[in-house]
Amino acid sequence: MFNDRLNEECGVFGVFGHPDSAALTALGLHALQHRGQESAGIVSFDGKHFNNEPYLGLVGDHFTKESVIKKLPGHSALGHVRYSTTGNNSLKNVQPLFADLLGGGIACAHNGNLTNGRELRKKLIKSGAIFHSTTDTEAFIHLISKSTEKSITKKVIDALFEIEGAFSIGVLTNKKLIGIRDPLGIRPLVLGELNNAKIIA
């Protein structure tokens, strides 16, 4: 059947190590707007605190305003534009999702589908997890949180062994930006550099 609508599924963009990380992330999300028009969000880290600006609507409706970018200081930022495939279109589902873990804050933005997302969610809820969104991305954050590994990198790797599907994921912590692509490379993920700053898209 012919469908004349865009069939993309979310966009992820992250910058690490640049003083204008949020503004660059907003520009990156604008370029990825075709991948999702329902919502846009950016989380930045300013060296002490994570700052979160989630909005329903288009990137240009919110992140072209200087007042919004000023709320996102720091040398690292992670952004997301959403086309919902799991979970409804509401503010609670705007990514990146943010959570405070034992080792510090973590933001996560996800493109694709976790094919075992529902099963993981049921299993996590049975073990006491409390979900705040209806996205499969949140299950991945819970898996990271529950990992008994010591470093955040090893916790993320541990969680990856439990998820299935086609995905690209950005994870921002207070010390690093992590880019993840599914083992078969079905979902796109590009690594880039601007001067000494690292970029994922």
C-alpha atoms as a PDB file:
ATOM      1  CA  MET A   1       0.000   0.000   0.000  1.00  0.00           C
ATOM      2  CA  PHE A   2       1.365   3.443  -0.927  1.00  0.00           C
ATOM      3  CA  ASN A   3       2.059   5.791   1.969  1.00  0.00           C
ATOM      4  CA  ASP A   4       3.154   9.345   1.192  1.00  0.00           C
ATOM      5  CA  ARG A   5       4.189  10.087   4.798  1.00  0.00           C
ATOM      6  CA  LEU A   6       7.747  10.045   6.134  1.00  0.00           C
ATOM      7  CA  ASN A   7       8.569   6.693   7.672  1.00  0.00           C
ATOM      8  CA  GLU A   8      11.488   7.553   9.933  1.00  0.00           C
ATOM      9  CA  GLU A   9      11.789   6.692  13.591  1.00  0.00           C
ATOM     10  CA  CYS A  10      13.379   9.278  15.874  1.00  0.00           C
ATOM     11  CA  GLY A  11      16.643  11.145  15.706  1.00  0.00           C
ATOM     12  CA  VAL A  12      19.496  11.246  18.220  1.00  0.00           C
ATOM     13  CA  PHE A  13      22.229  13.890  18.401  1.00  0.00           C
ATOM     14  CA  GLY A  14      24.907  14.406  21.059  1.00  0.00           C
ATOM     15  CA  VAL A  15      27.924  16.666  21.601  1.00  0.00           C
ATOM     16  CA  PHE A  16      30.690  16.183  24.156  1.00  0.00           C
ATOM     17  CA  GLY A  17      33.419  18.726  24.876  1.00  0.00           C
ATOM     18  CA  HIS A  18      32.149  21.948  23.274  1.00  0.00           C
ATOM     19  CA  PRO A  19      31.119  25.184  25.081  1.00  0.00           C
ATOM     20  CA  ASP A  20      28.106  25.556  22.754  1.00  0.00           C
ATOM     21  CA  SER A  21      27.014  21.928  23.040  1.00  0.00           C
ATOM     22  CA  ALA A  22      23.293  22.675  23.468  1.00  0.00           C
ATOM     23  CA  ALA A  23      23.166  25.093  20.517  1.00  0.00           C
ATOM     24  CA  LEU A  24      25.022  22.595  18.321  1.00  0.00           C
ATOM     25  CA  THR A  25      22.685  19.830  19.468  1.00  0.00           C
ATOM     26  CA  ALA A  26      19.682  21.999  18.568  1.00  0.00           C
ATOM     27  CA  LEU A  27      21.143  22.518  15.082  1.00  0.00           C
ATOM     28  CA  GLY A  28      21.740  18.782  14.769  1.00  0.00           C
ATOM     29  CA  LEU A  29      18.166  18.018  15.816  1.00  0.00           C
ATOM     30  CA  HIS A  30      16.879  20.558  13.310  1.00  0.00           C
ATOM     31  CA  ALA A  31      18.726  18.654  10.570  1.00  0.00           C
ATOM     32  CA  LEU A  32      17.142  15.429  11.876  1.00  0.00           C
ATOM     33  CA  GLN A  33      13.638  16.902  12.177  1.00  0.00           C
ATOM     34  CA  HIS A  34      12.378  14.662   9.346  1.00  0.00           C
ATOM     35  CA  ARG A  35      12.959  11.663  11.637  1.00  0.00           C
ATOM     36  CA  GLY A  36      10.364  12.822  14.176  1.00  0.00           C
ATOM     37  CA  GLN A  37       7.953  15.721  14.519  1.00  0.00           C
ATOM     38  CA  GLU A  38       6.085  14.878  17.728  1.00  0.00           C
ATOM     39  CA  SER A  39       8.541  16.165  20.312  1.00  0.00           C
ATOM     40  CA  ALA A  40      12.078  17.387  20.877  1.00  0.00           C
ATOM     41  CA  GLY A  41      14.272  17.405  23.957  1.00  0.00           C
ATOM     42  CA  ILE A  42      17.798  18.249  25.049  1.00  0.00           C
ATOM     43  CA  VAL A  43      19.646  17.371  28.262  1.00  0.00           C
ATOM     44  CA  SER A  44      22.929  19.152  29.046  1.00  0.00           C
ATOM     45  CA  PHE A  45      25.512  18.756  31.795  1.00  0.00           C
ATOM     46  CA  ASP A  46      27.211  21.879  33.141  1.00  0.00           C
ATOM     47  CA  GLY A  47      29.852  20.236  35.300  1.00  0.00           C
ATOM     48  CA  LYS A  48      27.622  20.063  38.370  1.00  0.00           C
ATOM     49  CA  HIS A  49      24.019  19.629  37.255  1.00  0.00           C
ATOM     50  CA  PHE A  50      22.019  18.075  34.453  1.00  0.00           C
ATOM     51  CA  ASN A  51      19.585  20.422  32.752  1.00  0.00           C
ATOM     52  CA  ASN A  52      16.537  19.048  30.930  1.00  0.00           C
ATOM     53  CA  GLU A  53      14.322  20.853  28.412  1.00  0.00           C
ATOM     54  CA  PRO A  54      11.610  18.569  26.947  1.00  0.00           C
ATOM     55  CA  TYR A  55       8.929  19.925  24.591  1.00  0.00           C
ATOM     56  CA  LEU A  56       6.080  18.659  22.457  1.00  0.00           C
ATOM     57  CA  GLY A  57       6.296  19.942  18.888  1.00  0.00           C
ATOM     58  CA  LEU A  58       9.090  20.849  16.515  1.00  0.00           C
ATOM     59  CA  VAL A  59      12.699  21.783  17.267  1.00  0.00           C
ATOM     60  CA  GLY A  60      12.202  25.241  15.751  1.00  0.00           C
ATOM     61  CA  ASP A  61       9.221  25.927  18.025  1.00  0.00           C
ATOM     62  CA  HIS A  62      11.444  25.906  21.100  1.00  0.00           C
ATOM     63  CA  PHE A  63      15.197  25.562  20.587  1.00  0.00           C
ATOM     64  CA  THR A  64      15.614  28.634  18.374  1.00  0.00           C
ATOM     65  CA  LYS A  65      14.897  30.785  21.445  1.00  0.00           C
ATOM     66  CA  GLU A  66      17.966  32.125  23.244  1.00  0.00           C
ATOM     67  CA  SER A  67      16.091  31.876  26.563  1.00  0.00           C
ATOM     68  CA  VAL A  68      15.728  28.099  26.119  1.00  0.00           C
ATOM     69  CA  ILE A  69      19.362  27.510  25.077  1.00  0.00           C
ATOM     70  CA  LYS A  70      20.511  29.515  28.135  1.00  0.00           C
ATOM     71  CA  LYS A  71      18.754  26.941  30.326  1.00  0.00           C
ATOM     72  CA  LEU A  72      21.094  24.282  28.862  1.00  0.00           C
ATOM     73  CA  PRO A  73      24.638  25.339  29.839  1.00  0.00           C
ATOM     74  CA  GLY A  74      27.623  23.021  29.711  1.00  0.00           C
ATOM     75  CA  HIS A  75      30.177  21.322  27.487  1.00  0.00           C
ATOM     76  CA  SER A  76      28.014  18.261  26.794  1.00  0.00           C
ATOM     77  CA  ALA A  77      24.470  17.731  25.559  1.00  0.00           C
ATOM     78  CA  LEU A  78      22.244  14.977  24.204  1.00  0.00           C
ATOM     79  CA  GLY A  79      19.128  15.588  22.131  1.00  0.00           C
ATOM     80  CA  HIS A  80      16.258  13.668  20.567  1.00  0.00           C
ATOM     81  CA  VAL A  81      13.414  14.177  18.101  1.00  0.00           C
ATOM     82  CA  ARG A  82      10.577  11.686  18.435  1.00  0.00           C
ATOM     83  CA  TYR A  83       8.317   9.705  16.168  1.00  0.00           C
ATOM     84  CA  SER A  84       6.492   7.391  18.558  1.00  0.00           C
ATOM     85  CA  THR A  85       6.496   3.683  17.861  1.00  0.00           C
ATOM     86  CA  THR A  86       6.174   2.670  21.518  1.00  0.00           C
ATOM     87  CA  GLY A  87       4.288   4.823  24.014  1.00  0.00           C
ATOM     88  CA  ASN A  88       1.949   7.716  23.311  1.00  0.00           C
ATOM     89  CA  ASN A  89       2.792  11.296  22.407  1.00  0.00           C
ATOM     90  CA  SER A  90       2.887  13.022  25.800  1.00  0.00           C
ATOM     91  CA  LEU A  91       5.406  15.099  27.749  1.00  0.00           C
ATOM     92  CA  LYS A  92       6.362  12.152  29.968  1.00  0.00           C
ATOM     93  CA  ASN A  93       7.653  10.299  26.872  1.00  0.00           C
ATOM     94  CA  VAL A  94       9.812  13.130  25.498  1.00  0.00           C
ATOM     95  CA  GLN A  95      13.433  12.039  25.282  1.00  0.00           C
ATOM     96  CA  PRO A  96      16.188  12.094  26.330  1.00  0.00           C
ATOM     97  CA  LEU A  97      14.883  10.393  29.448  1.00  0.00           C
ATOM     98  CA  PHE A  98      16.838  11.371  32.562  1.00  0.00           C
ATOM     99  CA  ALA A  99      17.397   9.474  35.813  1.00  0.00           C
ATOM    100  CA  ASP A 100      19.586   9.759  38.899  1.00  0.00           C
ATOM    101  CA  LEU A 101      21.525   6.544  39.474  1.00  0.00           C
ATOM    102  CA  LEU A 102      23.871   5.586  42.298  1.00  0.00           C
ATOM    103  CA  GLY A 103      26.914   6.742  40.310  1.00  0.00           C
ATOM    104  CA  GLY A 104      25.296   9.999  39.108  1.00  0.00           C
ATOM    105  CA  GLY A 105      22.828  11.227  36.525  1.00  0.00           C
ATOM    106  CA  ILE A 106      22.216   9.589  33.163  1.00  0.00           C
ATOM    107  CA  ALA A 107      20.319  10.739  30.089  1.00  0.00           C
ATOM    108  CA  CYS A 108      19.288   8.321  27.359  1.00  0.00           C
ATOM    109  CA  ALA A 109      17.948   8.923  23.842  1.00  0.00           C
ATOM    110  CA  HIS A 110      16.882   6.041  21.622  1.00  0.00           C
ATOM    111  CA  ASN A 111      16.049   5.447  17.958  1.00  0.00           C
ATOM    112  CA  GLY A 112      14.483   2.141  16.934  1.00  0.00           C
ATOM    113  CA  ASN A 113      12.560  -0.582  18.682  1.00  0.00           C
ATOM    114  CA  LEU A 114      13.424  -2.990  21.476  1.00  0.00           C
ATOM    115  CA  THR A 115      11.548  -6.075  20.314  1.00  0.00           C
ATOM    116  CA  ASN A 116      11.615  -7.521  23.831  1.00  0.00           C
ATOM    117  CA  GLY A 117      10.695  -4.177  25.444  1.00  0.00           C
ATOM    118  CA  ARG A 118       7.302  -5.321  26.781  1.00  0.00           C
ATOM    119  CA  GLU A 119       8.743  -8.480  28.297  1.00  0.00           C
ATOM    120  CA  LEU A 120      11.565  -6.498  29.915  1.00  0.00           C
ATOM    121  CA  ARG A 121       9.084  -3.973  31.306  1.00  0.00           C
ATOM    122  CA  LYS A 122       6.919  -6.701  32.889  1.00  0.00           C
ATOM    123  CA  LYS A 123       9.983  -8.399  34.359  1.00  0.00           C
ATOM    124  CA  LEU A 124      11.347  -5.128  35.776  1.00  0.00           C
ATOM    125  CA  ILE A 125       7.992  -4.104  37.278  1.00  0.00           C
ATOM    126  CA  LYS A 126       7.676  -7.525  38.929  1.00  0.00           C
ATOM    127  CA  SER A 127      11.084  -6.952  40.523  1.00  0.00           C
ATOM    128  CA  GLY A 128      10.022  -3.564  41.919  1.00  0.00           C
ATOM    129  CA  ALA A 129      10.908  -1.045  39.178  1.00  0.00           C
ATOM    130  CA  ILE A 130       8.710   2.053  38.929  1.00  0.00           C
ATOM    131  CA  PHE A 131       8.195   3.389  35.399  1.00  0.00           C
ATOM    132  CA  HIS A 132       7.401   7.050  34.667  1.00  0.00           C
ATOM    133  CA  SER A 133       6.977   6.753  30.887  1.00  0.00           C
ATOM    134  CA  THR A 134       5.483   4.276  28.436  1.00  0.00           C
ATOM    135  CA  THR A 135       8.572   4.070  26.190  1.00  0.00           C
ATOM    136  CA  ASP A 136      10.822   1.034  25.800  1.00  0.00           C
ATOM    137  CA  THR A 137      13.788   3.380  26.351  1.00  0.00           C
ATOM    138  CA  GLU A 138      13.025   3.502  30.060  1.00  0.00           C
ATOM    139  CA  ALA A 139      13.449  -0.269  30.360  1.00  0.00           C
ATOM    140  CA  PHE A 140      17.035   0.168  29.123  1.00  0.00           C
ATOM    141  CA  ILE A 141      17.721   2.768  31.851  1.00  0.00           C
ATOM    142  CA  HIS A 142      16.339   0.393  34.494  1.00  0.00           C
ATOM    143  CA  LEU A 143      18.613  -2.384  33.208  1.00  0.00           C
ATOM    144  CA  ILE A 144      21.623  -0.055  33.516  1.00  0.00           C
ATOM    145  CA  SER A 145      20.560   0.886  37.050  1.00  0.00           C
ATOM    146  CA  LYS A 146      20.141  -2.742  38.150  1.00  0.00           C
ATOM    147  CA  SER A 147      23.513  -3.879  36.799  1.00  0.00           C
ATOM    148  CA  THR A 148      25.984  -4.945  39.474  1.00  0.00           C
ATOM    149  CA  GLU A 149      28.962  -3.777  37.402  1.00  0.00           C
ATOM    150  CA  LYS A 150      31.011  -0.915  38.875  1.00  0.00           C
ATOM    151  CA  SER A 151      31.661   1.492  35.975  1.00  0.00           C
ATOM    152  CA  ILE A 152      28.915   3.136  33.919  1.00  0.00           C
ATOM    153  CA  THR A 153      30.444   1.777  30.707  1.00  0.00           C
ATOM    154  CA  LYS A 154      30.292  -1.789  32.031  1.00  0.00           C
ATOM    155  CA  LYS A 155      26.741  -1.213  33.329  1.00  0.00           C
ATOM    156  CA  VAL A 156      25.671  -0.098  29.842  1.00  0.00           C
ATOM    157  CA  ILE A 157      27.364  -3.123  28.236  1.00  0.00           C
ATOM    158  CA  ASP A 158      25.694  -5.393  30.798  1.00  0.00           C
ATOM    159  CA  ALA A 159      22.281  -3.920  29.919  1.00  0.00           C
ATOM    160  CA  LEU A 160      22.935  -4.345  26.195  1.00  0.00           C
ATOM    161  CA  PHE A 161      23.116  -8.125  26.631  1.00  0.00           C
ATOM    162  CA  GLU A 162      19.450  -8.063  27.711  1.00  0.00           C
ATOM    163  CA  ILE A 163      17.907  -6.010  24.904  1.00  0.00           C
ATOM    164  CA  GLU A 164      16.910  -7.166  21.428  1.00  0.00           C
ATOM    165  CA  GLY A 165      15.957  -5.294  18.292  1.00  0.00           C
ATOM    166  CA  ALA A 166      17.223  -2.602  15.952  1.00  0.00           C
ATOM    167  CA  PHE A 167      18.441   0.531  17.691  1.00  0.00           C
ATOM    168  CA  SER A 168      20.867   3.381  18.023  1.00  0.00           C
ATOM    169  CA  ILE A 169      21.192   4.896  21.481  1.00  0.00           C
ATOM    170  CA  GLY A 170      22.911   7.915  22.986  1.00  0.00           C
ATOM    171  CA  VAL A 171      23.808   7.911  26.677  1.00  0.00           C
ATOM    172  CA  LEU A 172      25.098  11.010  28.474  1.00  0.00           C
ATOM    173  CA  THR A 173      26.692  10.865  31.920  1.00  0.00           C
ATOM    174  CA  ASN A 174      28.646  13.433  33.905  1.00  0.00           C
ATOM    175  CA  LYS A 175      31.874  12.087  32.397  1.00  0.00           C
ATOM    176  CA  LYS A 176      31.097  10.740  28.933  1.00  0.00           C
ATOM    177  CA  LEU A 177      28.865  10.485  25.901  1.00  0.00           C
ATOM    178  CA  ILE A 178      28.271   6.917  24.749  1.00  0.00           C
ATOM    179  CA  GLY A 179      26.990   5.988  21.298  1.00  0.00           C
ATOM    180  CA  ILE A 180      25.496   2.531  20.731  1.00  0.00           C
ATOM    181  CA  ARG A 181      24.386   0.829  17.524  1.00  0.00           C
ATOM    182  CA  ASP A 182      22.599  -2.508  17.272  1.00  0.00           C
ATOM    183  CA  PRO A 183      24.904  -5.449  16.401  1.00  0.00           C
ATOM    184  CA  LEU A 184      23.624  -5.714  12.812  1.00  0.00           C
ATOM    185  CA  GLY A 185      23.852  -1.977  12.161  1.00  0.00           C
ATOM    186  CA  ILE A 186      20.204  -1.756  11.074  1.00  0.00           C
ATOM    187  CA  ARG A 187      19.730   1.666  12.682  1.00  0.00           C
ATOM    188  CA  PRO A 188      22.126   4.428  11.589  1.00  0.00           C
ATOM    189  CA  LEU A 189      24.702   5.919  13.957  1.00  0.00           C
ATOM    190  CA  VAL A 190      27.471   8.279  12.895  1.00  0.00           C
ATOM    191  CA  LEU A 191      30.478   9.374  14.947  1.00  0.00           C
ATOM    192  CA  GLY A 192      31.914  12.808  14.245  1.00  0.00           C
ATOM    193  CA  GLU A 193      34.282  15.457  15.492  1.00  0.00           C
ATOM    194  CA  LEU A 194      34.224  19.265  15.600  1.00  0.00           C
ATOM    195  CA  ASN A 195      37.645  20.569  16.595  1.00  0.00           C
ATOM    196  CA  ASN A 196      38.212  18.429  19.699  1.00  0.00           C
ATOM    197  CA  ALA A 197      34.539  17.870  20.491  1.00  0.00           C
ATOM    198  CA  LYS A 198      32.986  14.458  19.898  1.00  0.00           C
ATOM    199  CA  ILE A 199      29.615  14.110  18.176  1.00  0.00           C
ATOM    200  CA  ILE A 200      27.132  11.270  17.692  1.00  0.00           C
ATOM    201  CA  ALA A 201      24.142  11.398  15.339  1.00  0.00           C
END
